[in-house]
Amino acid sequence: MATVTSFLSKPPSSLSPNPNTLSSVFSSSLSFFTKPRPITTRLETSRTAKKFTTKATAAPTKKAGSDERVKKVHSIEEFDDALRTAKNRLVVVEFAASDSDQSLQIYPFMVDLSRQCNDVEFILVMGDESEKTKELCKRERIDQVPHFSFYKNMEKIHEEEAIGPDMLMGDVLYYGDSHSAVVQLHSGEDVERLIEDHKSDHKLVVLDVGLKHCGPCVKVYPTVIKLSRMMTDTVVFARMNGDENDSCMRFLRDMDVVEVPTFLFIRDGEIKGRYVGSGKGELIGEILRYQGVRVTY
């Protein structure tokens, strides 16, 4: 869990937190995703003006499907133009090399994601293709491949090195989600409106509070998306990144959120409890408990 510091403000009376600490652990065998074999090889990459070399252990690869949605760029100018054209859409860039087995292993999964996520742009840069791509890698400070960088509005918002398919999928969902059943909140006022909207229907509101660069928040988010689709008739799922702006940070302080991810369980305008952590089973157990399902711990 990530820690959030300097929370001194008291919560507003309309959303007073439940003083009881929830520390229950719920064991679950539910599995929501088919997990491809993880890629664990750590690349050692050295880059010079003349040569871009990689070292990796060979492993079985998945055959890539049609990759027409992955744009290949060959220079700094093409790269900057692609980011500019994408505007506020998420852009996922894989920096790879032709002699990197790990690049070959992860690329088919990026192709799959490109076909599934139509509102996300995907770019491939082969660092050893030419002097121009070497210059691009140098400018972006790429020292290992595969290296994934995530951009919005031409600004780099996140990056990862030597990751596997699960982490790549989690990052894309976390930083690019704009079409799932999870309501995206951008201020304390958004939270107040959401709660007010669901006072009359008595639905449970599950608010996922995290930070932009929080590994556990990214890890659990695919589960949040899956649950939001499964429980759409009875539960409302929402998300807020506390470090998005001052209003979100004030909300975290008001709610005494000191670690993320924190899940707030709200019904009829009141916070009934919270769960702090990224455990899938524990989260499911807490949601079921606040839905009135008897859970044995």
C-alpha atoms as a PDB file:
ATOM      1  CA  MET A   1       0.000   0.000   0.000  1.00  0.00           C
ATOM      2  CA  ALA A   2       1.112   3.543  -0.632  1.00  0.00           C
ATOM      3  CA  THR A   3       1.017   6.074   2.196  1.00  0.00           C
ATOM      4  CA  VAL A   4      -0.570   9.499   1.938  1.00  0.00           C
ATOM      5  CA  THR A   5       0.782  12.052   4.390  1.00  0.00           C
ATOM      6  CA  SER A   6      -0.347  15.319   6.018  1.00  0.00           C
ATOM      7  CA  PHE A   7      -4.030  14.639   6.609  1.00  0.00           C
ATOM      8  CA  LEU A   8      -5.190  17.003   9.344  1.00  0.00           C
ATOM      9  CA  SER A   9      -8.671  18.185   8.364  1.00  0.00           C
ATOM     10  CA  LYS A  10     -11.824  16.795   9.961  1.00  0.00           C
ATOM     11  CA  PRO A  11     -14.439  15.100   7.740  1.00  0.00           C
ATOM     12  CA  PRO A  12     -17.585  17.040   6.870  1.00  0.00           C
ATOM     13  CA  SER A  13     -20.646  16.064   8.867  1.00  0.00           C
ATOM     14  CA  SER A  14     -22.471  14.846   5.760  1.00  0.00           C
ATOM     15  CA  LEU A  15     -19.799  12.193   5.174  1.00  0.00           C
ATOM     16  CA  SER A  16     -18.482  11.281   8.607  1.00  0.00           C
ATOM     17  CA  PRO A  17     -16.337   8.142   8.464  1.00  0.00           C
ATOM     18  CA  ASN A  18     -17.312   5.100  10.473  1.00  0.00           C
ATOM     19  CA  PRO A  19     -14.918   5.010  13.457  1.00  0.00           C
ATOM     20  CA  ASN A  20     -14.761   1.238  13.417  1.00  0.00           C
ATOM     21  CA  THR A  21     -11.643  -0.135  11.749  1.00  0.00           C
ATOM     22  CA  LEU A  22     -12.224  -2.872   9.203  1.00  0.00           C
ATOM     23  CA  SER A  23      -9.423  -5.410   9.376  1.00  0.00           C
ATOM     24  CA  SER A  24     -11.262  -8.553   8.300  1.00  0.00           C
ATOM     25  CA  VAL A  25      -9.718 -10.914   5.786  1.00  0.00           C
ATOM     26  CA  PHE A  26     -11.870 -12.786   3.319  1.00  0.00           C
ATOM     27  CA  SER A  27     -10.440 -15.714   1.372  1.00  0.00           C
ATOM     28  CA  SER A  28     -11.807 -16.201  -2.105  1.00  0.00           C
ATOM     29  CA  SER A  29     -10.949 -18.533  -4.937  1.00  0.00           C
ATOM     30  CA  LEU A  30     -12.670 -16.393  -7.563  1.00  0.00           C
ATOM     31  CA  SER A  31     -10.542 -15.761 -10.612  1.00  0.00           C
ATOM     32  CA  PHE A  32     -11.608 -13.114 -13.122  1.00  0.00           C
ATOM     33  CA  PHE A  33      -8.854 -13.147 -15.682  1.00  0.00           C
ATOM     34  CA  THR A  34      -6.948 -15.638 -17.746  1.00  0.00           C
ATOM     35  CA  LYS A  35      -3.373 -15.016 -16.710  1.00  0.00           C
ATOM     36  CA  PRO A  36      -0.771 -15.430 -19.443  1.00  0.00           C
ATOM     37  CA  ARG A  37       2.559 -16.877 -18.392  1.00  0.00           C
ATOM     38  CA  PRO A  38       4.410 -13.975 -16.714  1.00  0.00           C
ATOM     39  CA  ILE A  39       7.577 -12.620 -18.220  1.00  0.00           C
ATOM     40  CA  THR A  40      10.175 -12.379 -15.494  1.00  0.00           C
ATOM     41  CA  THR A  41      13.429 -11.974 -17.428  1.00  0.00           C
ATOM     42  CA  ARG A  42      15.232  -8.811 -16.453  1.00  0.00           C
ATOM     43  CA  LEU A  43      16.908  -7.113 -19.354  1.00  0.00           C
ATOM     44  CA  GLU A  44      20.391  -5.673 -19.131  1.00  0.00           C
ATOM     45  CA  THR A  45      20.625  -3.105 -21.889  1.00  0.00           C
ATOM     46  CA  SER A  46      23.533  -0.955 -22.955  1.00  0.00           C
ATOM     47  CA  ARG A  47      23.073   1.820 -25.488  1.00  0.00           C
ATOM     48  CA  THR A  48      25.826   3.569 -27.413  1.00  0.00           C
ATOM     49  CA  ALA A  49      25.840   5.944 -30.334  1.00  0.00           C
ATOM     50  CA  LYS A  50      26.377   3.086 -32.740  1.00  0.00           C
ATOM     51  CA  LYS A  51      24.694   0.102 -31.159  1.00  0.00           C
ATOM     52  CA  PHE A  52      21.590  -0.683 -29.125  1.00  0.00           C
ATOM     53  CA  THR A  53      22.111  -4.116 -27.541  1.00  0.00           C
ATOM     54  CA  THR A  54      20.053  -6.269 -25.191  1.00  0.00           C
ATOM     55  CA  LYS A  55      20.523  -9.446 -23.201  1.00  0.00           C
ATOM     56  CA  ALA A  56      17.602 -11.731 -22.402  1.00  0.00           C
ATOM     57  CA  THR A  57      16.827 -15.404 -22.004  1.00  0.00           C
ATOM     58  CA  ALA A  58      14.778 -16.933 -24.791  1.00  0.00           C
ATOM     59  CA  ALA A  59      11.213 -17.983 -23.902  1.00  0.00           C
ATOM     60  CA  PRO A  60       8.103 -19.169 -25.747  1.00  0.00           C
ATOM     61  CA  THR A  61       6.301 -16.341 -27.516  1.00  0.00           C
ATOM     62  CA  LYS A  62       2.695 -15.693 -28.417  1.00  0.00           C
ATOM     63  CA  LYS A  63       2.009 -15.139 -32.092  1.00  0.00           C
ATOM     64  CA  ALA A  64       0.910 -11.593 -32.789  1.00  0.00           C
ATOM     65  CA  GLY A  65      -2.352 -10.977 -34.599  1.00  0.00           C
ATOM     66  CA  SER A  66      -3.036  -8.106 -36.927  1.00  0.00           C
ATOM     67  CA  ASP A  67      -1.238  -5.068 -35.547  1.00  0.00           C
ATOM     68  CA  GLU A  68      -2.677  -2.318 -37.720  1.00  0.00           C
ATOM     69  CA  ARG A  69      -3.704  -0.378 -34.601  1.00  0.00           C
ATOM     70  CA  VAL A  70      -0.105  -0.189 -33.395  1.00  0.00           C
ATOM     71  CA  LYS A  71       1.587   2.786 -35.037  1.00  0.00           C
ATOM     72  CA  LYS A  72       5.271   2.414 -35.849  1.00  0.00           C
ATOM     73  CA  VAL A  73       7.243   5.617 -35.549  1.00  0.00           C
ATOM     74  CA  HIS A  74      10.734   6.134 -36.878  1.00  0.00           C
ATOM     75  CA  SER A  75      11.873   9.554 -35.675  1.00  0.00           C
ATOM     76  CA  ILE A  76      11.411  12.218 -33.008  1.00  0.00           C
ATOM     77  CA  GLU A  77       9.243  14.214 -35.410  1.00  0.00           C
ATOM     78  CA  GLU A  78       6.858  11.301 -36.037  1.00  0.00           C
ATOM     79  CA  PHE A  79       6.746  10.521 -32.326  1.00  0.00           C
ATOM     80  CA  ASP A  80       5.862  14.073 -31.295  1.00  0.00           C
ATOM     81  CA  ASP A  81       3.261  14.307 -34.049  1.00  0.00           C
ATOM     82  CA  ALA A  82       1.598  11.076 -32.861  1.00  0.00           C
ATOM     83  CA  LEU A  83       1.399  12.382 -29.283  1.00  0.00           C
ATOM     84  CA  ARG A  84       0.034  15.718 -30.504  1.00  0.00           C
ATOM     85  CA  THR A  85      -2.636  14.038 -32.628  1.00  0.00           C
ATOM     86  CA  ALA A  86      -3.787  11.859 -29.723  1.00  0.00           C
ATOM     87  CA  LYS A  87      -4.608  14.946 -27.616  1.00  0.00           C
ATOM     88  CA  ASN A  88      -6.069  13.804 -24.281  1.00  0.00           C
ATOM     89  CA  ARG A  89      -6.299  10.108 -25.180  1.00  0.00           C
ATOM     90  CA  LEU A  90      -3.933   7.724 -23.477  1.00  0.00           C
ATOM     91  CA  VAL A  91      -0.904   6.815 -25.604  1.00  0.00           C
ATOM     92  CA  VAL A  92       0.997   3.610 -24.781  1.00  0.00           C
ATOM     93  CA  VAL A  93       4.502   3.427 -26.249  1.00  0.00           C
ATOM     94  CA  GLU A  94       6.628   0.295 -26.329  1.00  0.00           C
ATOM     95  CA  PHE A  95      10.333   0.951 -26.833  1.00  0.00           C
ATOM     96  CA  ALA A  96      11.794  -2.317 -28.138  1.00  0.00           C
ATOM     97  CA  ALA A  97      14.825  -3.772 -29.920  1.00  0.00           C
ATOM     98  CA  SER A  98      15.071  -6.348 -32.692  1.00  0.00           C
ATOM     99  CA  ASP A  99      17.409  -8.640 -30.723  1.00  0.00           C
ATOM    100  CA  SER A 100      15.373  -8.552 -27.494  1.00  0.00           C
ATOM    101  CA  ASP A 101      13.499 -11.798 -26.848  1.00  0.00           C
ATOM    102  CA  GLN A 102      11.477 -10.082 -24.157  1.00  0.00           C
ATOM    103  CA  SER A 103      10.323  -7.424 -26.603  1.00  0.00           C
ATOM    104  CA  LEU A 104       9.158 -10.186 -28.922  1.00  0.00           C
ATOM    105  CA  GLN A 105       7.292 -11.879 -26.071  1.00  0.00           C
ATOM    106  CA  ILE A 106       5.342  -8.834 -24.854  1.00  0.00           C
ATOM    107  CA  TYR A 107       4.495  -7.304 -28.249  1.00  0.00           C
ATOM    108  CA  PRO A 108       1.643  -9.743 -29.135  1.00  0.00           C
ATOM    109  CA  PHE A 109      -0.104  -8.848 -25.882  1.00  0.00           C
ATOM    110  CA  MET A 110       0.154  -5.154 -26.701  1.00  0.00           C
ATOM    111  CA  VAL A 111      -1.379  -5.934 -30.108  1.00  0.00           C
ATOM    112  CA  ASP A 112      -4.277  -7.709 -28.358  1.00  0.00           C
ATOM    113  CA  LEU A 113      -4.813  -4.689 -26.105  1.00  0.00           C
ATOM    114  CA  SER A 114      -4.768  -2.352 -29.104  1.00  0.00           C
ATOM    115  CA  ARG A 115      -7.706  -4.250 -30.613  1.00  0.00           C
ATOM    116  CA  GLN A 116      -9.647  -4.244 -27.338  1.00  0.00           C
ATOM    117  CA  CYS A 117      -9.039  -0.612 -26.286  1.00  0.00           C
ATOM    118  CA  ASN A 118     -10.223   1.540 -29.155  1.00  0.00           C
ATOM    119  CA  ASP A 119      -9.901   4.776 -27.198  1.00  0.00           C
ATOM    120  CA  VAL A 120      -6.193   4.198 -26.462  1.00  0.00           C
ATOM    121  CA  GLU A 121      -3.391   4.842 -28.951  1.00  0.00           C
ATOM    122  CA  PHE A 122      -0.486   2.368 -29.206  1.00  0.00           C
ATOM    123  CA  ILE A 123       2.969   3.134 -30.588  1.00  0.00           C
ATOM    124  CA  LEU A 124       6.010   0.941 -31.260  1.00  0.00           C
ATOM    125  CA  VAL A 125       9.555   2.333 -31.391  1.00  0.00           C
ATOM    126  CA  MET A 126      12.365  -0.011 -32.427  1.00  0.00           C
ATOM    127  CA  GLY A 127      15.335   1.548 -30.677  1.00  0.00           C
ATOM    128  CA  ASP A 128      17.958  -0.152 -32.839  1.00  0.00           C
ATOM    129  CA  GLU A 129      16.219   0.547 -36.157  1.00  0.00           C
ATOM    130  CA  SER A 130      18.166   3.681 -37.111  1.00  0.00           C
ATOM    131  CA  GLU A 131      20.102   6.660 -35.818  1.00  0.00           C
ATOM    132  CA  LYS A 132      16.820   8.565 -35.611  1.00  0.00           C
ATOM    133  CA  THR A 133      15.172   6.030 -33.315  1.00  0.00           C
ATOM    134  CA  LYS A 134      18.345   5.883 -31.220  1.00  0.00           C
ATOM    135  CA  GLU A 135      18.108   9.637 -30.779  1.00  0.00           C
ATOM    136  CA  LEU A 136      14.469   9.289 -29.753  1.00  0.00           C
ATOM    137  CA  CYS A 137      15.368   6.669 -27.133  1.00  0.00           C
ATOM    138  CA  LYS A 138      18.157   8.900 -25.881  1.00  0.00           C
ATOM    139  CA  ARG A 139      15.790  11.858 -25.523  1.00  0.00           C
ATOM    140  CA  GLU A 140      13.221   9.735 -23.664  1.00  0.00           C
ATOM    141  CA  ARG A 141      15.989   8.246 -21.469  1.00  0.00           C
ATOM    142  CA  ILE A 142      15.329   4.646 -22.436  1.00  0.00           C
ATOM    143  CA  ASP A 143      18.032   2.371 -21.029  1.00  0.00           C
ATOM    144  CA  GLN A 144      16.243  -0.998 -21.041  1.00  0.00           C
ATOM    145  CA  VAL A 145      13.790  -2.685 -23.354  1.00  0.00           C
ATOM    146  CA  PRO A 146      10.990  -3.429 -23.462  1.00  0.00           C
ATOM    147  CA  HIS A 147      10.178  -0.100 -21.858  1.00  0.00           C
ATOM    148  CA  PHE A 148       6.576   1.138 -21.744  1.00  0.00           C
ATOM    149  CA  SER A 149       5.782   4.834 -21.418  1.00  0.00           C
ATOM    150  CA  PHE A 150       2.285   6.260 -20.989  1.00  0.00           C
ATOM    151  CA  TYR A 151       1.377   9.743 -22.229  1.00  0.00           C
ATOM    152  CA  LYS A 152      -1.592  12.103 -22.115  1.00  0.00           C
ATOM    153  CA  ASN A 153      -1.653  15.567 -23.653  1.00  0.00           C
ATOM    154  CA  MET A 154       1.993  15.043 -24.712  1.00  0.00           C
ATOM    155  CA  GLU A 155       2.999  14.570 -21.062  1.00  0.00           C
ATOM    156  CA  LYS A 156       4.508  11.355 -19.738  1.00  0.00           C
ATOM    157  CA  ILE A 157       2.321  10.187 -16.841  1.00  0.00           C
ATOM    158  CA  HIS A 158       3.800   6.757 -16.126  1.00  0.00           C
ATOM    159  CA  GLU A 159       6.476   4.304 -17.254  1.00  0.00           C
ATOM    160  CA  GLU A 160       7.449   0.679 -16.644  1.00  0.00           C
ATOM    161  CA  GLU A 161      10.389  -1.541 -17.561  1.00  0.00           C
ATOM    162  CA  ALA A 162      10.499  -5.293 -18.261  1.00  0.00           C
ATOM    163  CA  ILE A 163       6.863  -5.911 -17.321  1.00  0.00           C
ATOM    164  CA  GLY A 164       4.624  -8.861 -18.132  1.00  0.00           C
ATOM    165  CA  PRO A 165       1.177  -9.015 -19.769  1.00  0.00           C
ATOM    166  CA  ASP A 166      -0.786  -8.711 -16.509  1.00  0.00           C
ATOM    167  CA  MET A 167       0.968  -5.516 -15.461  1.00  0.00           C
ATOM    168  CA  LEU A 168       0.658  -4.060 -18.960  1.00  0.00           C
ATOM    169  CA  MET A 169      -3.074  -4.748 -19.002  1.00  0.00           C
ATOM    170  CA  GLY A 170      -3.465  -3.261 -15.528  1.00  0.00           C
ATOM    171  CA  ASP A 171      -1.593  -0.102 -16.491  1.00  0.00           C
ATOM    172  CA  VAL A 172      -3.662   0.399 -19.653  1.00  0.00           C
ATOM    173  CA  LEU A 173      -6.924  -0.067 -17.758  1.00  0.00           C
ATOM    174  CA  TYR A 174      -5.846   2.158 -14.877  1.00  0.00           C
ATOM    175  CA  TYR A 175      -4.528   5.082 -16.895  1.00  0.00           C
ATOM    176  CA  GLY A 176      -6.843   4.797 -19.899  1.00  0.00           C
ATOM    177  CA  ASP A 177     -10.212   3.744 -18.472  1.00  0.00           C
ATOM    178  CA  SER A 178     -12.961   5.986 -19.832  1.00  0.00           C
ATOM    179  CA  HIS A 179     -15.654   3.566 -20.912  1.00  0.00           C
ATOM    180  CA  SER A 180     -16.203   1.030 -18.120  1.00  0.00           C
ATOM    181  CA  ALA A 181     -19.005   1.044 -15.564  1.00  0.00           C
ATOM    182  CA  VAL A 182     -16.658   2.682 -13.025  1.00  0.00           C
ATOM    183  CA  VAL A 183     -17.633   6.336 -12.512  1.00  0.00           C
ATOM    184  CA  GLN A 184     -14.595   8.621 -12.774  1.00  0.00           C
ATOM    185  CA  LEU A 185     -14.621  11.374 -10.124  1.00  0.00           C
ATOM    186  CA  HIS A 186     -12.444  14.473 -10.319  1.00  0.00           C
ATOM    187  CA  SER A 187     -13.425  16.542  -7.265  1.00  0.00           C
ATOM    188  CA  GLY A 188     -15.053  16.407  -3.873  1.00  0.00           C
ATOM    189  CA  GLU A 189     -18.135  17.933  -5.460  1.00  0.00           C
ATOM    190  CA  ASP A 190     -18.323  14.979  -7.864  1.00  0.00           C
ATOM    191  CA  VAL A 191     -18.394  12.639  -4.865  1.00  0.00           C
ATOM    192  CA  GLU A 192     -21.162  14.616  -3.170  1.00  0.00           C
ATOM    193  CA  ARG A 193     -23.263  14.540  -6.358  1.00  0.00           C
ATOM    194  CA  LEU A 194     -22.778  10.803  -6.816  1.00  0.00           C
ATOM    195  CA  ILE A 195     -23.812  10.090  -3.244  1.00  0.00           C
ATOM    196  CA  GLU A 196     -26.862  12.331  -3.553  1.00  0.00           C
ATOM    197  CA  ASP A 197     -27.866  10.610  -6.804  1.00  0.00           C
ATOM    198  CA  HIS A 198     -27.988   7.217  -5.087  1.00  0.00           C
ATOM    199  CA  LYS A 199     -29.707   8.101  -1.825  1.00  0.00           C
ATOM    200  CA  SER A 200     -33.102   7.254  -3.258  1.00  0.00           C
ATOM    201  CA  ASP A 201     -32.179   3.901  -4.836  1.00  0.00           C
ATOM    202  CA  HIS A 202     -30.251   2.757  -1.710  1.00  0.00           C
ATOM    203  CA  LYS A 203     -27.464   1.277  -3.827  1.00  0.00           C
ATOM    204  CA  LEU A 204     -24.118   0.585  -2.219  1.00  0.00           C
ATOM    205  CA  VAL A 205     -21.485   3.006  -3.532  1.00  0.00           C
ATOM    206  CA  VAL A 206     -17.927   1.612  -3.572  1.00  0.00           C
ATOM    207  CA  LEU A 207     -15.438   4.455  -3.946  1.00  0.00           C
ATOM    208  CA  ASP A 208     -11.891   3.422  -4.940  1.00  0.00           C
ATOM    209  CA  VAL A 209      -9.488   6.112  -3.706  1.00  0.00           C
ATOM    210  CA  GLY A 210      -5.934   5.912  -5.037  1.00  0.00           C
ATOM    211  CA  LEU A 211      -2.997   7.845  -6.442  1.00  0.00           C
ATOM    212  CA  LYS A 212      -1.714   8.160 -10.004  1.00  0.00           C
ATOM    213  CA  HIS A 213       1.568   6.342  -9.381  1.00  0.00           C
ATOM    214  CA  CYS A 214       0.443   3.606  -6.996  1.00  0.00           C
ATOM    215  CA  GLY A 215       1.364   0.022  -7.863  1.00  0.00           C
ATOM    216  CA  PRO A 216      -1.267  -1.633  -5.609  1.00  0.00           C
ATOM    217  CA  CYS A 217      -3.941   0.723  -7.017  1.00  0.00           C
ATOM    218  CA  VAL A 218      -3.060  -0.403 -10.551  1.00  0.00           C
ATOM    219  CA  LYS A 219      -2.957  -4.058  -9.475  1.00  0.00           C
ATOM    220  CA  VAL A 220      -6.492  -4.141  -8.062  1.00  0.00           C
ATOM    221  CA  TYR A 221      -8.187  -1.945 -10.680  1.00  0.00           C
ATOM    222  CA  PRO A 222      -8.973  -4.718 -13.230  1.00  0.00           C
ATOM    223  CA  THR A 223     -10.901  -6.442 -10.430  1.00  0.00           C
ATOM    224  CA  VAL A 224     -12.826  -3.216  -9.775  1.00  0.00           C
ATOM    225  CA  ILE A 225     -13.776  -3.023 -13.460  1.00  0.00           C
ATOM    226  CA  LYS A 226     -14.883  -6.652 -13.540  1.00  0.00           C
ATOM    227  CA  LEU A 227     -16.983  -6.276 -10.381  1.00  0.00           C
ATOM    228  CA  SER A 228     -18.587  -3.103 -11.734  1.00  0.00           C
ATOM    229  CA  ARG A 229     -19.860  -5.096 -14.723  1.00  0.00           C
ATOM    230  CA  MET A 230     -21.045  -8.017 -12.620  1.00  0.00           C
ATOM    231  CA  MET A 231     -22.848  -5.951  -9.962  1.00  0.00           C
ATOM    232  CA  THR A 232     -24.271  -3.135 -12.059  1.00  0.00           C
ATOM    233  CA  ASP A 233     -27.820  -3.651 -10.713  1.00  0.00           C
ATOM    234  CA  THR A 234     -26.918  -3.386  -7.045  1.00  0.00           C
ATOM    235  CA  VAL A 235     -23.575  -1.606  -6.617  1.00  0.00           C
ATOM    236  CA  VAL A 236     -22.146   1.647  -7.989  1.00  0.00           C
ATOM    237  CA  PHE A 237     -18.361   1.688  -8.399  1.00  0.00           C
ATOM    238  CA  ALA A 238     -16.439   4.948  -8.594  1.00  0.00           C
ATOM    239  CA  ARG A 239     -12.798   5.999  -8.609  1.00  0.00           C
ATOM    240  CA  MET A 240     -10.811   9.060  -7.588  1.00  0.00           C
ATOM    241  CA  ASN A 241      -7.080   9.745  -7.810  1.00  0.00           C
ATOM    242  CA  GLY A 242      -6.277  11.860  -4.778  1.00  0.00           C
ATOM    243  CA  ASP A 243      -3.310  13.579  -6.398  1.00  0.00           C
ATOM    244  CA  GLU A 244      -5.239  14.656  -9.501  1.00  0.00           C
ATOM    245  CA  ASN A 245      -5.938  18.156  -8.129  1.00  0.00           C
ATOM    246  CA  ASP A 246      -6.371  20.148  -4.917  1.00  0.00           C
ATOM    247  CA  SER A 247     -10.054  19.290  -4.583  1.00  0.00           C
ATOM    248  CA  CYS A 248      -9.314  15.546  -4.673  1.00  0.00           C
ATOM    249  CA  MET A 249      -6.498  15.946  -2.163  1.00  0.00           C
ATOM    250  CA  ARG A 250      -8.817  17.860   0.197  1.00  0.00           C
ATOM    251  CA  PHE A 251     -11.297  15.008  -0.075  1.00  0.00           C
ATOM    252  CA  LEU A 252      -8.603  12.508   0.957  1.00  0.00           C
ATOM    253  CA  ARG A 253      -7.727  14.663   3.966  1.00  0.00           C
ATOM    254  CA  ASP A 254     -11.391  15.072   4.914  1.00  0.00           C
ATOM    255  CA  MET A 255     -11.918  11.317   4.759  1.00  0.00           C
ATOM    256  CA  ASP A 256      -8.771  10.570   6.792  1.00  0.00           C
ATOM    257  CA  VAL A 257      -7.338   8.483   3.951  1.00  0.00           C
ATOM    258  CA  VAL A 258      -3.698   7.783   4.857  1.00  0.00           C
ATOM    259  CA  GLU A 259      -3.026   4.703   2.717  1.00  0.00           C
ATOM    260  CA  VAL A 260      -4.087   3.768  -0.783  1.00  0.00           C
ATOM    261  CA  PRO A 261      -5.898   2.060  -2.249  1.00  0.00           C
ATOM    262  CA  THR A 262      -8.716   2.759   0.210  1.00  0.00           C
ATOM    263  CA  PHE A 263     -12.239   1.619  -0.624  1.00  0.00           C
ATOM    264  CA  LEU A 264     -15.077   3.574   0.998  1.00  0.00           C
ATOM    265  CA  PHE A 265     -18.454   1.828   1.305  1.00  0.00           C
ATOM    266  CA  ILE A 266     -21.294   4.359   1.206  1.00  0.00           C
ATOM    267  CA  ARG A 267     -25.035   3.824   1.457  1.00  0.00           C
ATOM    268  CA  ASP A 268     -27.888   6.303   1.999  1.00  0.00           C
ATOM    269  CA  GLY A 269     -25.401   9.181   2.172  1.00  0.00           C
ATOM    270  CA  GLU A 270     -23.293   7.698   4.968  1.00  0.00           C
ATOM    271  CA  ILE A 271     -19.941   5.949   5.005  1.00  0.00           C
ATOM    272  CA  LYS A 272     -20.594   2.502   6.435  1.00  0.00           C
ATOM    273  CA  GLY A 273     -16.982   1.348   6.446  1.00  0.00           C
ATOM    274  CA  ARG A 274     -13.750   1.047   4.500  1.00  0.00           C
ATOM    275  CA  TYR A 275     -11.224  -1.478   3.282  1.00  0.00           C
ATOM    276  CA  VAL A 276      -7.545  -0.582   2.907  1.00  0.00           C
ATOM    277  CA  GLY A 277      -5.526  -2.816   0.589  1.00  0.00           C
ATOM    278  CA  SER A 278      -5.361  -4.420  -2.843  1.00  0.00           C
ATOM    279  CA  GLY A 279      -6.390  -7.982  -2.066  1.00  0.00           C
ATOM    280  CA  LYS A 280      -9.020  -9.179  -4.539  1.00  0.00           C
ATOM    281  CA  GLY A 281     -10.576 -11.693  -2.165  1.00  0.00           C
ATOM    282  CA  GLU A 282     -10.687  -9.268   0.738  1.00  0.00           C
ATOM    283  CA  LEU A 283     -12.305  -6.580  -1.413  1.00  0.00           C
ATOM    284  CA  ILE A 284     -14.965  -8.975  -2.702  1.00  0.00           C
ATOM    285  CA  GLY A 285     -15.647 -10.136   0.851  1.00  0.00           C
ATOM    286  CA  GLU A 286     -16.149  -6.596   2.117  1.00  0.00           C
ATOM    287  CA  ILE A 287     -18.495  -5.714  -0.754  1.00  0.00           C
ATOM    288  CA  LEU A 288     -20.554  -8.834  -0.099  1.00  0.00           C
ATOM    289  CA  ARG A 289     -20.678  -8.031   3.611  1.00  0.00           C
ATOM    290  CA  TYR A 290     -22.052  -4.551   2.967  1.00  0.00           C
ATOM    291  CA  GLN A 291     -24.518  -6.117   0.567  1.00  0.00           C
ATOM    292  CA  GLY A 292     -25.914  -8.152   3.434  1.00  0.00           C
ATOM    293  CA  VAL A 293     -24.295 -11.453   2.475  1.00  0.00           C
ATOM    294  CA  ARG A 294     -23.055 -13.411   5.468  1.00  0.00           C
ATOM    295  CA  VAL A 295     -19.312 -13.866   5.183  1.00  0.00           C
ATOM    296  CA  THR A 296     -17.302 -16.248   7.364  1.00  0.00           C
ATOM    297  CA  TYR A 297     -13.837 -15.012   8.270  1.00  0.00           C
END
